[in-house]
N, C-alpha and C. Protein backbone atom coordinates (compact mmCIF):
# COMPACT_ATOMS: atom_id res chain seq x y z
N MET A 1 14.33 -11.52 1.64
CA MET A 1 14.22 -10.09 1.43
C MET A 1 13.73 -9.84 0.01
N GLU A 2 12.87 -8.86 -0.14
CA GLU A 2 12.31 -8.53 -1.43
C GLU A 2 13.37 -7.94 -2.34
N GLU A 3 13.31 -8.33 -3.61
CA GLU A 3 14.24 -7.79 -4.59
C GLU A 3 14.06 -6.28 -4.67
N GLY A 4 15.17 -5.55 -4.69
CA GLY A 4 15.11 -4.11 -4.82
C GLY A 4 15.06 -3.37 -3.51
N THR A 5 15.08 -4.12 -2.39
CA THR A 5 15.11 -3.44 -1.09
C THR A 5 16.37 -3.84 -0.37
N SER A 6 16.86 -2.95 0.44
CA SER A 6 18.08 -3.23 1.17
C SER A 6 17.74 -3.51 2.63
N LYS A 7 18.63 -4.24 3.31
CA LYS A 7 18.44 -4.54 4.72
C LYS A 7 18.75 -3.33 5.58
N GLU A 8 19.74 -2.58 5.18
CA GLU A 8 20.20 -1.44 5.97
C GLU A 8 19.75 -0.13 5.34
N PRO A 9 19.36 0.83 6.16
CA PRO A 9 19.02 2.13 5.58
C PRO A 9 20.24 2.78 4.97
N SER A 10 20.07 3.37 3.82
CA SER A 10 21.18 4.07 3.17
C SER A 10 20.69 5.46 2.78
N HIS A 11 20.97 6.41 3.62
CA HIS A 11 20.45 7.75 3.41
C HIS A 11 21.29 8.54 2.42
N SER A 12 22.31 7.90 1.85
CA SER A 12 23.20 8.62 0.95
C SER A 12 22.51 9.08 -0.32
N CYS A 13 21.41 8.43 -0.71
CA CYS A 13 20.75 8.81 -1.96
C CYS A 13 19.85 10.02 -1.79
N CYS A 14 19.53 10.38 -0.58
CA CYS A 14 18.57 11.45 -0.36
C CYS A 14 19.25 12.66 0.25
N THR A 15 19.54 13.64 -0.58
CA THR A 15 20.12 14.88 -0.08
C THR A 15 18.99 15.77 0.42
N GLU A 16 19.33 16.80 1.18
CA GLU A 16 18.29 17.70 1.68
C GLU A 16 17.50 18.32 0.53
N GLU A 17 18.16 18.66 -0.56
CA GLU A 17 17.48 19.31 -1.67
C GLU A 17 16.54 18.34 -2.39
N ALA A 18 16.87 17.06 -2.43
CA ALA A 18 16.09 16.11 -3.22
C ALA A 18 15.39 15.06 -2.35
N PHE A 19 15.33 15.28 -1.06
CA PHE A 19 14.83 14.24 -0.16
C PHE A 19 13.45 13.72 -0.55
N GLN A 20 12.51 14.59 -0.83
CA GLN A 20 11.15 14.13 -1.09
C GLN A 20 10.97 13.51 -2.46
N TRP A 21 11.75 13.89 -3.44
CA TRP A 21 11.49 13.44 -4.80
C TRP A 21 12.69 12.75 -5.44
N ASP A 22 13.50 12.09 -4.66
CA ASP A 22 14.64 11.36 -5.21
C ASP A 22 14.12 10.17 -6.01
N THR A 23 14.48 10.09 -7.27
CA THR A 23 13.95 9.05 -8.14
C THR A 23 14.89 7.86 -8.32
N ARG A 24 16.03 7.89 -7.65
CA ARG A 24 16.96 6.77 -7.80
C ARG A 24 16.40 5.51 -7.19
N GLU A 25 16.64 4.39 -7.84
CA GLU A 25 16.07 3.11 -7.43
C GLU A 25 16.49 2.70 -6.02
N ASP A 26 17.69 3.05 -5.60
CA ASP A 26 18.18 2.61 -4.29
C ASP A 26 17.82 3.58 -3.16
N CYS A 27 17.00 4.56 -3.43
CA CYS A 27 16.61 5.52 -2.40
C CYS A 27 15.59 4.90 -1.46
N ASP A 28 15.86 4.98 -0.16
CA ASP A 28 14.96 4.39 0.84
C ASP A 28 13.56 4.99 0.76
N VAL A 29 13.47 6.29 0.57
CA VAL A 29 12.17 6.95 0.50
C VAL A 29 11.37 6.40 -0.68
N ARG A 30 12.02 6.27 -1.81
CA ARG A 30 11.33 5.72 -2.99
C ARG A 30 10.87 4.29 -2.73
N GLN A 31 11.70 3.48 -2.09
CA GLN A 31 11.32 2.10 -1.80
C GLN A 31 10.11 2.04 -0.88
N ILE A 32 10.07 2.89 0.12
CA ILE A 32 8.93 2.91 1.04
C ILE A 32 7.67 3.37 0.32
N LEU A 33 7.79 4.42 -0.50
CA LEU A 33 6.63 4.89 -1.26
C LEU A 33 6.13 3.82 -2.23
N ASP A 34 7.06 3.10 -2.86
CA ASP A 34 6.65 2.00 -3.74
C ASP A 34 5.84 0.96 -2.98
N ARG A 35 6.27 0.65 -1.77
CA ARG A 35 5.59 -0.36 -0.96
C ARG A 35 4.20 0.09 -0.55
N ILE A 36 4.14 1.25 0.09
CA ILE A 36 2.85 1.68 0.63
C ILE A 36 1.90 2.18 -0.45
N GLY A 37 2.44 2.47 -1.64
CA GLY A 37 1.61 2.97 -2.71
C GLY A 37 1.01 1.90 -3.58
N ASP A 38 1.37 0.64 -3.39
CA ASP A 38 0.77 -0.39 -4.24
C ASP A 38 -0.67 -0.66 -3.80
N LYS A 39 -1.47 -1.15 -4.73
CA LYS A 39 -2.90 -1.26 -4.45
C LYS A 39 -3.23 -2.22 -3.32
N TRP A 40 -2.50 -3.29 -3.15
CA TRP A 40 -2.84 -4.25 -2.10
C TRP A 40 -2.49 -3.71 -0.72
N SER A 41 -1.34 -3.06 -0.59
CA SER A 41 -0.96 -2.50 0.71
C SER A 41 -1.96 -1.45 1.17
N LEU A 42 -2.38 -0.59 0.26
CA LEU A 42 -3.37 0.43 0.62
C LEU A 42 -4.66 -0.20 1.12
N LEU A 43 -5.12 -1.24 0.45
CA LEU A 43 -6.36 -1.90 0.87
C LEU A 43 -6.21 -2.58 2.22
N VAL A 44 -5.10 -3.26 2.45
CA VAL A 44 -4.88 -3.92 3.73
C VAL A 44 -4.84 -2.90 4.86
N ILE A 45 -4.11 -1.82 4.66
CA ILE A 45 -4.01 -0.78 5.69
C ILE A 45 -5.38 -0.17 5.96
N ALA A 46 -6.15 0.06 4.92
CA ALA A 46 -7.49 0.63 5.09
C ALA A 46 -8.39 -0.33 5.87
N LEU A 47 -8.32 -1.61 5.57
CA LEU A 47 -9.19 -2.59 6.25
C LEU A 47 -8.82 -2.78 7.71
N LEU A 48 -7.54 -2.64 8.03
CA LEU A 48 -7.09 -2.85 9.41
C LEU A 48 -7.22 -1.58 10.25
N ASP A 49 -7.91 -0.59 9.74
CA ASP A 49 -8.04 0.70 10.41
C ASP A 49 -8.46 0.60 11.86
N ASP A 50 -9.57 -0.05 12.13
CA ASP A 50 -10.12 0.00 13.48
C ASP A 50 -10.22 -1.34 14.17
N ARG A 51 -9.63 -2.38 13.58
CA ARG A 51 -9.71 -3.70 14.22
C ARG A 51 -8.68 -4.65 13.62
N SER A 52 -8.46 -5.73 14.33
CA SER A 52 -7.59 -6.77 13.78
C SER A 52 -8.44 -7.71 12.93
N MET A 53 -7.78 -8.37 11.99
CA MET A 53 -8.47 -9.30 11.10
C MET A 53 -7.62 -10.54 10.91
N ARG A 54 -8.29 -11.65 10.68
CA ARG A 54 -7.61 -12.89 10.36
C ARG A 54 -7.29 -12.91 8.86
N PHE A 55 -6.32 -13.74 8.50
CA PHE A 55 -5.89 -13.85 7.11
C PHE A 55 -7.07 -14.17 6.20
N THR A 56 -7.86 -15.17 6.57
CA THR A 56 -8.98 -15.59 5.71
C THR A 56 -10.02 -14.47 5.56
N GLU A 57 -10.21 -13.70 6.61
CA GLU A 57 -11.14 -12.58 6.54
C GLU A 57 -10.64 -11.50 5.58
N LEU A 58 -9.34 -11.21 5.65
CA LEU A 58 -8.75 -10.26 4.72
C LEU A 58 -8.88 -10.76 3.29
N LYS A 59 -8.57 -12.02 3.07
CA LYS A 59 -8.63 -12.60 1.72
C LYS A 59 -10.05 -12.53 1.17
N ARG A 60 -11.01 -12.85 1.99
CA ARG A 60 -12.41 -12.84 1.57
C ARG A 60 -12.89 -11.41 1.27
N THR A 61 -12.37 -10.44 2.00
CA THR A 61 -12.82 -9.05 1.87
C THR A 61 -12.18 -8.33 0.69
N ILE A 62 -10.93 -8.68 0.35
CA ILE A 62 -10.21 -7.99 -0.73
C ILE A 62 -10.45 -8.73 -2.05
N ASP A 63 -11.34 -8.21 -2.84
CA ASP A 63 -11.70 -8.82 -4.11
C ASP A 63 -10.50 -8.84 -5.06
N GLY A 64 -10.19 -10.02 -5.59
CA GLY A 64 -9.16 -10.14 -6.61
C GLY A 64 -7.76 -10.46 -6.12
N ILE A 65 -7.52 -10.46 -4.82
CA ILE A 65 -6.17 -10.75 -4.33
C ILE A 65 -5.98 -12.26 -4.18
N SER A 66 -4.84 -12.75 -4.61
CA SER A 66 -4.53 -14.16 -4.45
C SER A 66 -3.99 -14.41 -3.04
N GLN A 67 -4.01 -15.66 -2.63
CA GLN A 67 -3.47 -16.01 -1.32
C GLN A 67 -2.00 -15.65 -1.24
N ARG A 68 -1.26 -15.95 -2.29
CA ARG A 68 0.17 -15.63 -2.30
C ARG A 68 0.42 -14.13 -2.21
N MET A 69 -0.33 -13.32 -2.97
CA MET A 69 -0.12 -11.87 -2.95
C MET A 69 -0.48 -11.29 -1.59
N LEU A 70 -1.54 -11.81 -0.96
CA LEU A 70 -1.88 -11.33 0.37
C LEU A 70 -0.79 -11.69 1.37
N THR A 71 -0.26 -12.89 1.27
CA THR A 71 0.84 -13.32 2.14
C THR A 71 2.05 -12.41 1.97
N VAL A 72 2.44 -12.16 0.73
CA VAL A 72 3.60 -11.30 0.44
C VAL A 72 3.35 -9.89 0.97
N THR A 73 2.17 -9.36 0.72
CA THR A 73 1.84 -8.00 1.16
C THR A 73 1.90 -7.88 2.67
N LEU A 74 1.30 -8.84 3.38
CA LEU A 74 1.30 -8.79 4.84
C LEU A 74 2.72 -8.91 5.39
N ARG A 75 3.54 -9.77 4.80
CA ARG A 75 4.93 -9.91 5.25
C ARG A 75 5.71 -8.62 5.05
N GLN A 76 5.50 -7.97 3.91
CA GLN A 76 6.20 -6.71 3.63
C GLN A 76 5.77 -5.62 4.61
N LEU A 77 4.48 -5.54 4.88
CA LEU A 77 3.98 -4.53 5.82
C LEU A 77 4.45 -4.82 7.24
N GLU A 78 4.56 -6.09 7.57
CA GLU A 78 5.09 -6.47 8.89
C GLU A 78 6.57 -6.10 8.97
N ARG A 79 7.32 -6.38 7.93
CA ARG A 79 8.75 -6.06 7.90
C ARG A 79 8.98 -4.56 8.05
N ASP A 80 8.11 -3.76 7.45
CA ASP A 80 8.24 -2.31 7.53
C ASP A 80 7.71 -1.73 8.84
N GLY A 81 7.17 -2.57 9.70
CA GLY A 81 6.69 -2.10 11.00
C GLY A 81 5.31 -1.47 10.96
N LEU A 82 4.55 -1.75 9.91
CA LEU A 82 3.22 -1.16 9.76
C LEU A 82 2.11 -2.09 10.24
N VAL A 83 2.36 -3.39 10.21
CA VAL A 83 1.37 -4.39 10.61
C VAL A 83 1.99 -5.32 11.63
N LEU A 84 1.20 -5.67 12.63
CA LEU A 84 1.62 -6.62 13.66
C LEU A 84 0.90 -7.94 13.41
N ARG A 85 1.66 -9.03 13.40
CA ARG A 85 1.13 -10.38 13.21
C ARG A 85 1.17 -11.09 14.55
N THR A 86 0.01 -11.57 14.99
CA THR A 86 -0.06 -12.29 16.26
C THR A 86 -0.54 -13.71 16.00
N VAL A 87 0.27 -14.69 16.44
CA VAL A 87 -0.06 -16.11 16.27
C VAL A 87 -0.53 -16.64 17.62
N TYR A 88 -1.70 -17.26 17.64
CA TYR A 88 -2.24 -17.84 18.86
C TYR A 88 -2.02 -19.35 18.84
N PRO A 89 -1.53 -19.91 19.96
CA PRO A 89 -1.22 -21.35 20.00
C PRO A 89 -2.48 -22.19 20.21
N VAL A 90 -3.32 -22.23 19.18
CA VAL A 90 -4.54 -23.03 19.23
C VAL A 90 -4.60 -23.92 18.00
N VAL A 91 -5.48 -24.89 18.03
CA VAL A 91 -5.67 -25.78 16.88
C VAL A 91 -7.11 -25.59 16.40
N PRO A 92 -7.31 -25.25 15.14
CA PRO A 92 -6.30 -24.90 14.13
C PRO A 92 -5.63 -23.57 14.47
N PRO A 93 -4.46 -23.32 13.90
CA PRO A 93 -3.72 -22.10 14.21
C PRO A 93 -4.56 -20.85 13.89
N ARG A 94 -4.43 -19.86 14.73
CA ARG A 94 -5.13 -18.59 14.52
C ARG A 94 -4.08 -17.49 14.42
N VAL A 95 -4.16 -16.70 13.37
CA VAL A 95 -3.24 -15.59 13.16
C VAL A 95 -4.07 -14.33 12.90
N ASP A 96 -3.79 -13.30 13.69
CA ASP A 96 -4.47 -12.02 13.52
C ASP A 96 -3.47 -10.97 13.05
N TYR A 97 -3.97 -10.02 12.29
CA TYR A 97 -3.17 -8.90 11.80
C TYR A 97 -3.83 -7.60 12.24
N GLU A 98 -3.00 -6.65 12.67
CA GLU A 98 -3.51 -5.34 13.05
C GLU A 98 -2.45 -4.30 12.74
N LEU A 99 -2.89 -3.04 12.66
CA LEU A 99 -1.95 -1.96 12.43
C LEU A 99 -1.14 -1.68 13.68
N THR A 100 0.12 -1.39 13.50
CA THR A 100 0.96 -0.91 14.59
C THR A 100 0.68 0.59 14.77
N PRO A 101 1.18 1.20 15.82
CA PRO A 101 1.02 2.66 15.94
C PRO A 101 1.55 3.41 14.71
N LEU A 102 2.65 2.93 14.14
CA LEU A 102 3.17 3.54 12.91
C LEU A 102 2.19 3.36 11.76
N GLY A 103 1.60 2.18 11.66
CA GLY A 103 0.61 1.92 10.62
C GLY A 103 -0.62 2.80 10.75
N VAL A 104 -1.01 3.08 11.99
CA VAL A 104 -2.17 3.96 12.22
C VAL A 104 -1.87 5.36 11.68
N THR A 105 -0.64 5.85 11.88
CA THR A 105 -0.32 7.18 11.36
C THR A 105 -0.37 7.19 9.84
N LEU A 106 0.02 6.08 9.21
CA LEU A 106 -0.06 5.99 7.76
C LEU A 106 -1.52 5.95 7.31
N HIS A 107 -2.36 5.26 8.05
CA HIS A 107 -3.78 5.20 7.69
C HIS A 107 -4.38 6.60 7.63
N ASP A 108 -4.01 7.45 8.56
CA ASP A 108 -4.52 8.82 8.55
C ASP A 108 -4.15 9.54 7.25
N THR A 109 -2.94 9.31 6.79
CA THR A 109 -2.48 9.91 5.53
C THR A 109 -3.24 9.33 4.35
N ILE A 110 -3.44 8.03 4.35
CA ILE A 110 -4.18 7.37 3.28
C ILE A 110 -5.62 7.89 3.24
N GLN A 111 -6.20 8.14 4.39
CA GLN A 111 -7.57 8.66 4.44
C GLN A 111 -7.66 9.99 3.72
N SER A 112 -6.63 10.82 3.84
CA SER A 112 -6.61 12.10 3.11
C SER A 112 -6.61 11.86 1.60
N LEU A 113 -5.88 10.87 1.14
CA LEU A 113 -5.84 10.53 -0.28
C LEU A 113 -7.21 10.04 -0.75
N VAL A 114 -7.87 9.21 0.04
CA VAL A 114 -9.20 8.71 -0.30
C VAL A 114 -10.19 9.87 -0.37
N THR A 115 -10.11 10.77 0.59
CA THR A 115 -11.00 11.94 0.59
C THR A 115 -10.80 12.78 -0.66
N TRP A 116 -9.55 13.00 -1.06
CA TRP A 116 -9.25 13.75 -2.28
C TRP A 116 -9.84 13.03 -3.49
N THR A 117 -9.68 11.71 -3.54
CA THR A 117 -10.18 10.92 -4.67
C THR A 117 -11.69 11.02 -4.77
N GLU A 118 -12.37 10.89 -3.64
CA GLU A 118 -13.83 10.99 -3.64
C GLU A 118 -14.28 12.38 -4.11
N LYS A 119 -13.58 13.40 -3.68
CA LYS A 119 -13.94 14.77 -4.04
C LYS A 119 -13.76 15.02 -5.55
N HIS A 120 -12.76 14.41 -6.16
CA HIS A 120 -12.42 14.69 -7.55
C HIS A 120 -12.75 13.56 -8.52
N GLN A 121 -13.46 12.54 -8.10
CA GLN A 121 -13.71 11.39 -8.98
C GLN A 121 -14.51 11.76 -10.23
N THR A 122 -15.45 12.69 -10.11
CA THR A 122 -16.24 13.11 -11.28
C THR A 122 -15.36 13.83 -12.29
N GLU A 123 -14.50 14.72 -11.81
CA GLU A 123 -13.59 15.43 -12.71
C GLU A 123 -12.66 14.45 -13.43
N ILE A 124 -12.18 13.47 -12.72
CA ILE A 124 -11.27 12.48 -13.31
C ILE A 124 -12.01 11.62 -14.33
N ALA A 125 -13.24 11.23 -14.02
CA ALA A 125 -14.04 10.44 -14.97
C ALA A 125 -14.30 11.24 -16.24
N THR A 126 -14.60 12.53 -16.11
CA THR A 126 -14.83 13.39 -17.27
C THR A 126 -13.56 13.50 -18.11
N SER A 127 -12.44 13.68 -17.45
CA SER A 127 -11.16 13.78 -18.15
C SER A 127 -10.84 12.48 -18.89
N ARG A 128 -11.07 11.35 -18.24
CA ARG A 128 -10.82 10.06 -18.89
C ARG A 128 -11.69 9.88 -20.12
N ALA A 129 -12.99 10.23 -20.00
CA ALA A 129 -13.91 10.08 -21.13
C ALA A 129 -13.47 10.97 -22.29
N ARG A 130 -13.07 12.21 -22.00
CA ARG A 130 -12.59 13.13 -23.04
C ARG A 130 -11.34 12.57 -23.72
N TYR A 131 -10.41 12.07 -22.93
CA TYR A 131 -9.17 11.50 -23.47
C TYR A 131 -9.49 10.28 -24.35
N ASP A 132 -10.34 9.37 -23.82
CA ASP A 132 -10.67 8.16 -24.58
C ASP A 132 -11.39 8.49 -25.89
N ALA A 133 -12.27 9.50 -25.85
CA ALA A 133 -12.99 9.89 -27.08
C ALA A 133 -12.00 10.44 -28.10
N ALA A 134 -11.06 11.25 -27.66
CA ALA A 134 -10.06 11.81 -28.58
C ALA A 134 -9.15 10.72 -29.13
N ALA A 135 -8.82 9.76 -28.31
CA ALA A 135 -7.95 8.67 -28.76
C ALA A 135 -8.66 7.75 -29.74
N ALA A 136 -9.99 7.70 -29.68
CA ALA A 136 -10.76 6.82 -30.56
C ALA A 136 -10.93 7.42 -31.97
N VAL A 137 -10.71 8.72 -32.11
CA VAL A 137 -10.85 9.38 -33.41
C VAL A 137 -9.63 9.02 -34.26
N PRO A 138 -9.87 8.42 -35.44
CA PRO A 138 -8.72 8.05 -36.28
C PRO A 138 -7.99 9.28 -36.81
N VAL A 139 -6.69 9.20 -36.82
CA VAL A 139 -5.85 10.27 -37.34
C VAL A 139 -5.70 10.06 -38.84
N VAL A 140 -6.04 11.09 -39.61
CA VAL A 140 -5.99 10.96 -41.08
C VAL A 140 -4.77 11.66 -41.62
């Protein structure tokens, strides 16, 4: 089990008033958001949108991910019920990964985030350049 996650759901940290934005470390909602919000999980979910993929295909497609990190990410997504792992009894072994119905619903949400990012990327780039230019000016 991953450090910082619990085996059993504990809804005690999330009251109705604070359900969406509970910042306590042991909050289930926060743990799920931490998982699905990391860069590797988002990429895997996006790639598995419309088809299943083999491990080596995922590794080759995701620039910069190590074999270990891809393995950990896929296991976590499988544990959360977002990815289905299918092992075929052939030699050499063949393992395919695909989104579960729950994972598909998450992909739809991620697509909204990507659309927002594409729409606002110029504004964000301008803001970053302005910030970096101001930070480069020495304070006297």
